[in-house]
Amino acid sequence: MDSSDFDFREQLRQCLAIPAHPLALNASRRLDEHRHRALSRYYIASGVGGLAVGVHTFISGS
């Protein structure tokens, strides 16, 4: 499918999911790339329409 043929509004009407993808942080509050990729693969395998990465991440006390 050519991207110009993609009707985003129609996909949303049909319940296309674009979940907020939390950052996978280690105990030092640094990005854990291995776990972050694993979480991304999980979402993609679940059939999501996209990922909103880090939009709900909050680190208290920073």
PDB file of N, CA and C in Angstrom:
ATOM      1  N   MET A   1       0.841  -1.177   0.000  1.00  0.00           N
ATOM      2  CA  MET A   1       0.000   0.000   0.000  1.00  0.00           C
ATOM      3  C   MET A   1       0.888   1.243   0.000  1.00  0.00           C
ATOM      4  N   ASP A   2       0.624   2.147  -0.891  1.00  0.00           N
ATOM      5  CA  ASP A   2       1.306   3.434  -0.947  1.00  0.00           C
ATOM      6  C   ASP A   2       0.817   4.275   0.228  1.00  0.00           C
ATOM      7  N   SER A   3       1.706   5.031   0.864  1.00  0.00           N
ATOM      8  CA  SER A   3       1.295   5.820   2.035  1.00  0.00           C
ATOM      9  C   SER A   3       0.237   6.858   1.677  1.00  0.00           C
ATOM     10  N   SER A   4       0.172   7.293   0.417  1.00  0.00           N
ATOM     11  CA  SER A   4      -0.856   8.260   0.021  1.00  0.00           C
ATOM     12  C   SER A   4      -2.241   7.619   0.015  1.00  0.00           C
ATOM     13  N   ASP A   5      -2.315   6.278  -0.003  1.00  0.00           N
ATOM     14  CA  ASP A   5      -3.589   5.560   0.024  1.00  0.00           C
ATOM     15  C   ASP A   5      -4.077   5.289   1.450  1.00  0.00           C
ATOM     16  N   PHE A   6      -3.277   5.586   2.446  1.00  0.00           N
ATOM     17  CA  PHE A   6      -3.616   5.279   3.833  1.00  0.00           C
ATOM     18  C   PHE A   6      -4.562   6.338   4.382  1.00  0.00           C
ATOM     19  N   ASP A   7      -5.745   5.932   4.794  1.00  0.00           N
ATOM     20  CA  ASP A   7      -6.742   6.837   5.355  1.00  0.00           C
ATOM     21  C   ASP A   7      -6.685   6.725   6.875  1.00  0.00           C
ATOM     22  N   PHE A   8      -5.921   7.616   7.494  1.00  0.00           N
ATOM     23  CA  PHE A   8      -5.689   7.555   8.929  1.00  0.00           C
ATOM     24  C   PHE A   8      -6.992   7.675   9.713  1.00  0.00           C
ATOM     25  N   ARG A   9      -7.850   8.579   9.323  1.00  0.00           N
ATOM     26  CA  ARG A   9      -9.122   8.745  10.053  1.00  0.00           C
ATOM     27  C   ARG A   9      -9.965   7.469   9.996  1.00  0.00           C
ATOM     28  N   GLU A  10      -9.978   6.844   8.832  1.00  0.00           N
ATOM     29  CA  GLU A  10     -10.744   5.598   8.715  1.00  0.00           C
ATOM     30  C   GLU A  10     -10.135   4.506   9.592  1.00  0.00           C
ATOM     31  N   GLN A  11      -8.828   4.453   9.640  1.00  0.00           N
ATOM     32  CA  GLN A  11      -8.168   3.460  10.493  1.00  0.00           C
ATOM     33  C   GLN A  11      -8.511   3.701  11.959  1.00  0.00           C
ATOM     34  N   LEU A  12      -8.553   4.962  12.389  1.00  0.00           N
ATOM     35  CA  LEU A  12      -8.945   5.267  13.766  1.00  0.00           C
ATOM     36  C   LEU A  12     -10.390   4.861  14.026  1.00  0.00           C
ATOM     37  N   ARG A  13     -11.257   5.074  13.074  1.00  0.00           N
ATOM     38  CA  ARG A  13     -12.654   4.654  13.232  1.00  0.00           C
ATOM     39  C   ARG A  13     -12.754   3.143  13.403  1.00  0.00           C
ATOM     40  N   GLN A  14     -11.819   2.419  12.808  1.00  0.00           N
ATOM     41  CA  GLN A  14     -11.828   0.956  12.902  1.00  0.00           C
ATOM     42  C   GLN A  14     -10.983   0.474  14.081  1.00  0.00           C
ATOM     43  N   CYS A  15     -10.719   1.370  15.034  1.00  0.00           N
ATOM     44  CA  CYS A  15     -10.031   1.041  16.292  1.00  0.00           C
ATOM     45  C   CYS A  15      -8.543   0.757  16.138  1.00  0.00           C
ATOM     46  N   LEU A  16      -7.878   1.440  15.232  1.00  0.00           N
ATOM     47  CA  LEU A  16      -6.422   1.364  15.138  1.00  0.00           C
ATOM     48  C   LEU A  16      -5.848   1.839  16.465  1.00  0.00           C
ATOM     49  N   ALA A  17      -4.964   1.069  17.051  1.00  0.00           N
ATOM     50  CA  ALA A  17      -4.383   1.420  18.349  1.00  0.00           C
ATOM     51  C   ALA A  17      -2.991   2.014  18.179  1.00  0.00           C
ATOM     52  N   ILE A  18      -2.751   3.134  18.876  1.00  0.00           N
ATOM     53  CA  ILE A  18      -1.425   3.743  18.937  1.00  0.00           C
ATOM     54  C   ILE A  18      -1.137   3.965  20.422  1.00  0.00           C
ATOM     55  N   PRO A  19      -0.618   2.931  21.095  1.00  0.00           N
ATOM     56  CA  PRO A  19      -0.422   3.035  22.545  1.00  0.00           C
ATOM     57  C   PRO A  19       0.756   3.932  22.927  1.00  0.00           C
ATOM     58  N   ALA A  20       0.657   4.492  24.113  1.00  0.00           N
ATOM     59  CA  ALA A  20       1.797   5.210  24.687  1.00  0.00           C
ATOM     60  C   ALA A  20       2.823   4.158  25.104  1.00  0.00           C
ATOM     61  N   HIS A  21       4.016   4.283  24.605  1.00  0.00           N
ATOM     62  CA  HIS A  21       5.093   3.318  24.836  1.00  0.00           C
ATOM     63  C   HIS A  21       6.007   3.878  25.924  1.00  0.00           C
ATOM     64  N   PRO A  22       5.948   3.334  27.138  1.00  0.00           N
ATOM     65  CA  PRO A  22       6.814   3.852  28.203  1.00  0.00           C
ATOM     66  C   PRO A  22       8.281   3.563  27.906  1.00  0.00           C
ATOM     67  N   LEU A  23       9.134   4.407  28.420  1.00  0.00           N
ATOM     68  CA  LEU A  23      10.565   4.154  28.285  1.00  0.00           C
ATOM     69  C   LEU A  23      10.959   3.047  29.254  1.00  0.00           C
ATOM     70  N   ALA A  24      11.784   2.133  28.789  1.00  0.00           N
ATOM     71  CA  ALA A  24      12.272   1.048  29.648  1.00  0.00           C
ATOM     72  C   ALA A  24      13.547   1.558  30.324  1.00  0.00           C
ATOM     73  N   LEU A  25      13.427   1.882  31.586  1.00  0.00           N
ATOM     74  CA  LEU A  25      14.561   2.434  32.329  1.00  0.00           C
ATOM     75  C   LEU A  25      15.142   1.396  33.273  1.00  0.00           C
ATOM     76  N   ASN A  26      16.445   1.491  33.486  1.00  0.00           N
ATOM     77  CA  ASN A  26      17.096   0.599  34.446  1.00  0.00           C
ATOM     78  C   ASN A  26      17.048   1.236  35.843  1.00  0.00           C
ATOM     79  N   ALA A  27      17.672   0.603  36.806  1.00  0.00           N
ATOM     80  CA  ALA A  27      17.649   1.097  38.188  1.00  0.00           C
ATOM     81  C   ALA A  27      18.298   2.470  38.326  1.00  0.00           C
ATOM     82  N   SER A  28      19.181   2.814  37.397  1.00  0.00           N
ATOM     83  CA  SER A  28      19.847   4.127  37.413  1.00  0.00           C
ATOM     84  C   SER A  28      19.076   5.170  36.610  1.00  0.00           C
ATOM     85  N   ARG A  29      17.861   4.805  36.210  1.00  0.00           N
ATOM     86  CA  ARG A  29      16.988   5.687  35.421  1.00  0.00           C
ATOM     87  C   ARG A  29      17.576   6.032  34.057  1.00  0.00           C
ATOM     88  N   ARG A  30      18.328   5.112  33.513  1.00  0.00           N
ATOM     89  CA  ARG A  30      18.877   5.251  32.155  1.00  0.00           C
ATOM     90  C   ARG A  30      18.108   4.309  31.239  1.00  0.00           C
ATOM     91  N   LEU A  31      18.046   4.674  29.964  1.00  0.00           N
ATOM     92  CA  LEU A  31      17.347   3.846  29.002  1.00  0.00           C
ATOM     93  C   LEU A  31      17.997   2.469  28.906  1.00  0.00           C
ATOM     94  N   ASP A  32      17.188   1.429  29.074  1.00  0.00           N
ATOM     95  CA  ASP A  32      17.647   0.051  28.893  1.00  0.00           C
ATOM     96  C   ASP A  32      17.254  -0.332  27.469  1.00  0.00           C
ATOM     97  N   GLU A  33      18.206  -0.182  26.539  1.00  0.00           N
ATOM     98  CA  GLU A  33      17.914  -0.363  25.121  1.00  0.00           C
ATOM     99  C   GLU A  33      17.405  -1.773  24.801  1.00  0.00           C
ATOM    100  N   HIS A  34      17.977  -2.775  25.445  1.00  0.00           N
ATOM    101  CA  HIS A  34      17.559  -4.158  25.189  1.00  0.00           C
ATOM    102  C   HIS A  34      16.083  -4.351  25.548  1.00  0.00           C
ATOM    103  N   ARG A  35      15.705  -3.930  26.739  1.00  0.00           N
ATOM    104  CA  ARG A  35      14.310  -4.076  27.171  1.00  0.00           C
ATOM    105  C   ARG A  35      13.366  -3.157  26.392  1.00  0.00           C
ATOM    106  N   HIS A  36      13.864  -1.995  26.001  1.00  0.00           N
ATOM    107  CA  HIS A  36      13.038  -1.071  25.216  1.00  0.00           C
ATOM    108  C   HIS A  36      12.714  -1.680  23.845  1.00  0.00           C
ATOM    109  N   ARG A  37      13.722  -2.275  23.209  1.00  0.00           N
ATOM    110  CA  ARG A  37      13.483  -2.939  21.918  1.00  0.00           C
ATOM    111  C   ARG A  37      12.525  -4.113  22.081  1.00  0.00           C
ATOM    112  N   ALA A  38      12.690  -4.872  23.175  1.00  0.00           N
ATOM    113  CA  ALA A  38      11.806  -6.019  23.418  1.00  0.00           C
ATOM    114  C   ALA A  38      10.357  -5.548  23.585  1.00  0.00           C
ATOM    115  N   LEU A  39      10.154  -4.472  24.305  1.00  0.00           N
ATOM    116  CA  LEU A  39       8.811  -3.940  24.492  1.00  0.00           C
ATOM    117  C   LEU A  39       8.236  -3.445  23.166  1.00  0.00           C
ATOM    118  N   SER A  40       9.065  -2.809  22.348  1.00  0.00           N
ATOM    119  CA  SER A  40       8.630  -2.355  21.021  1.00  0.00           C
ATOM    120  C   SER A  40       8.213  -3.538  20.160  1.00  0.00           C
ATOM    121  N   ARG A  41       9.014  -4.603  20.170  1.00  0.00           N
ATOM    122  CA  ARG A  41       8.675  -5.796  19.386  1.00  0.00           C
ATOM    123  C   ARG A  41       7.354  -6.398  19.861  1.00  0.00           C
ATOM    124  N   TYR A  42       7.121  -6.387  21.167  1.00  0.00           N
ATOM    125  CA  TYR A  42       5.868  -6.904  21.719  1.00  0.00           C
ATOM    126  C   TYR A  42       4.677  -6.110  21.174  1.00  0.00           C
ATOM    127  N   TYR A  43       4.766  -4.786  21.240  1.00  0.00           N
ATOM    128  CA  TYR A  43       3.672  -3.953  20.738  1.00  0.00           C
ATOM    129  C   TYR A  43       3.443  -4.195  19.253  1.00  0.00           C
ATOM    130  N   ILE A  44       4.508  -4.238  18.465  1.00  0.00           N
ATOM    131  CA  ILE A  44       4.386  -4.429  17.018  1.00  0.00           C
ATOM    132  C   ILE A  44       3.766  -5.784  16.708  1.00  0.00           C
ATOM    133  N   ALA A  45       4.204  -6.821  17.420  1.00  0.00           N
ATOM    134  CA  ALA A  45       3.645  -8.163  17.212  1.00  0.00           C
ATOM    135  C   ALA A  45       2.160  -8.210  17.581  1.00  0.00           C
ATOM    136  N   SER A  46       1.739  -7.319  18.473  1.00  0.00           N
ATOM    137  CA  SER A  46       0.331  -7.265  18.877  1.00  0.00           C
ATOM    138  C   SER A  46      -0.544  -6.606  17.825  1.00  0.00           C
ATOM    139  N   GLY A  47       0.085  -6.013  16.799  1.00  0.00           N
ATOM    140  CA  GLY A  47      -0.674  -5.433  15.703  1.00  0.00           C
ATOM    141  C   GLY A  47      -1.053  -3.970  15.859  1.00  0.00           C
ATOM    142  N   VAL A  48      -0.307  -3.228  16.660  1.00  0.00           N
ATOM    143  CA  VAL A  48      -0.621  -1.813  16.829  1.00  0.00           C
ATOM    144  C   VAL A  48      -0.369  -1.047  15.532  1.00  0.00           C
ATOM    145  N   GLY A  49      -0.990   0.123  15.430  1.00  0.00           N
ATOM    146  CA  GLY A  49      -0.831   0.946  14.236  1.00  0.00           C
ATOM    147  C   GLY A  49       0.302   1.936  14.329  1.00  0.00           C
ATOM    148  N   GLY A  50       0.929   2.015  15.489  1.00  0.00           N
ATOM    149  CA  GLY A  50       2.041   2.937  15.710  1.00  0.00           C
ATOM    150  C   GLY A  50       2.375   2.961  17.185  1.00  0.00           C
ATOM    151  N   LEU A  51       3.413   3.699  17.524  1.00  0.00           N
ATOM    152  CA  LEU A  51       3.822   3.812  18.928  1.00  0.00           C
ATOM    153  C   LEU A  51       4.085   5.275  19.265  1.00  0.00           C
ATOM    154  N   ALA A  52       3.587   5.716  20.396  1.00  0.00           N
ATOM    155  CA  ALA A  52       3.864   7.050  20.901  1.00  0.00           C
ATOM    156  C   ALA A  52       4.905   6.873  22.011  1.00  0.00           C
ATOM    157  N   VAL A  53       6.163   7.025  21.664  1.00  0.00           N
ATOM    158  CA  VAL A  53       7.262   6.682  22.577  1.00  0.00           C
ATOM    159  C   VAL A  53       7.544   7.805  23.569  1.00  0.00           C
ATOM    160  N   GLY A  54       7.532   7.423  24.856  1.00  0.00           N
ATOM    161  CA  GLY A  54       7.944   8.322  25.921  1.00  0.00           C
ATOM    162  C   GLY A  54       6.981   9.447  26.260  1.00  0.00           C
ATOM    163  N   VAL A  55       5.783   9.437  25.749  1.00  0.00           N
ATOM    164  CA  VAL A  55       4.877  10.551  25.958  1.00  0.00           C
ATOM    165  C   VAL A  55       4.313  10.617  27.369  1.00  0.00           C
ATOM    166  N   HIS A  56       4.349   9.519  28.115  1.00  0.00           N
ATOM    167  CA  HIS A  56       3.798   9.499  29.470  1.00  0.00           C
ATOM    168  C   HIS A  56       4.868   9.217  30.507  1.00  0.00           C
ATOM    169  N   THR A  57       6.108   9.374  30.135  1.00  0.00           N
ATOM    170  CA  THR A  57       7.194   9.064  31.060  1.00  0.00           C
ATOM    171  C   THR A  57       7.436  10.245  31.998  1.00  0.00           C
ATOM    172  N   PHE A  58       7.461   9.966  33.280  1.00  0.00           N
ATOM    173  CA  PHE A  58       7.700  10.985  34.294  1.00  0.00           C
ATOM    174  C   PHE A  58       8.637  10.400  35.340  1.00  0.00           C
ATOM    175  N   ILE A  59       9.677  11.119  35.639  1.00  0.00           N
ATOM    176  CA  ILE A  59      10.615  10.676  36.668  1.00  0.00           C
ATOM    177  C   ILE A  59      10.519  11.655  37.829  1.00  0.00           C
ATOM    178  N   SER A  60      10.008  11.194  38.932  1.00  0.00           N
ATOM    179  CA  SER A  60       9.836  12.016  40.110  1.00  0.00           C
ATOM    180  C   SER A  60      11.191  12.422  40.693  1.00  0.00           C
ATOM    181  N   GLY A  61      11.299  13.658  41.097  1.00  0.00           N
ATOM    182  CA  GLY A  61      12.511  14.127  41.764  1.00  0.00           C
ATOM    183  C   GLY A  61      13.612  14.579  40.828  1.00  0.00           C
ATOM    184  N   SER A  62      13.357  14.664  39.556  1.00  0.00           N
ATOM    185  CA  SER A  62      14.404  15.101  38.607  1.00  0.00           C
ATOM    186  C   SER A  62      14.381  16.592  38.432  1.00  0.00           C
TER     187      SER A  62
END
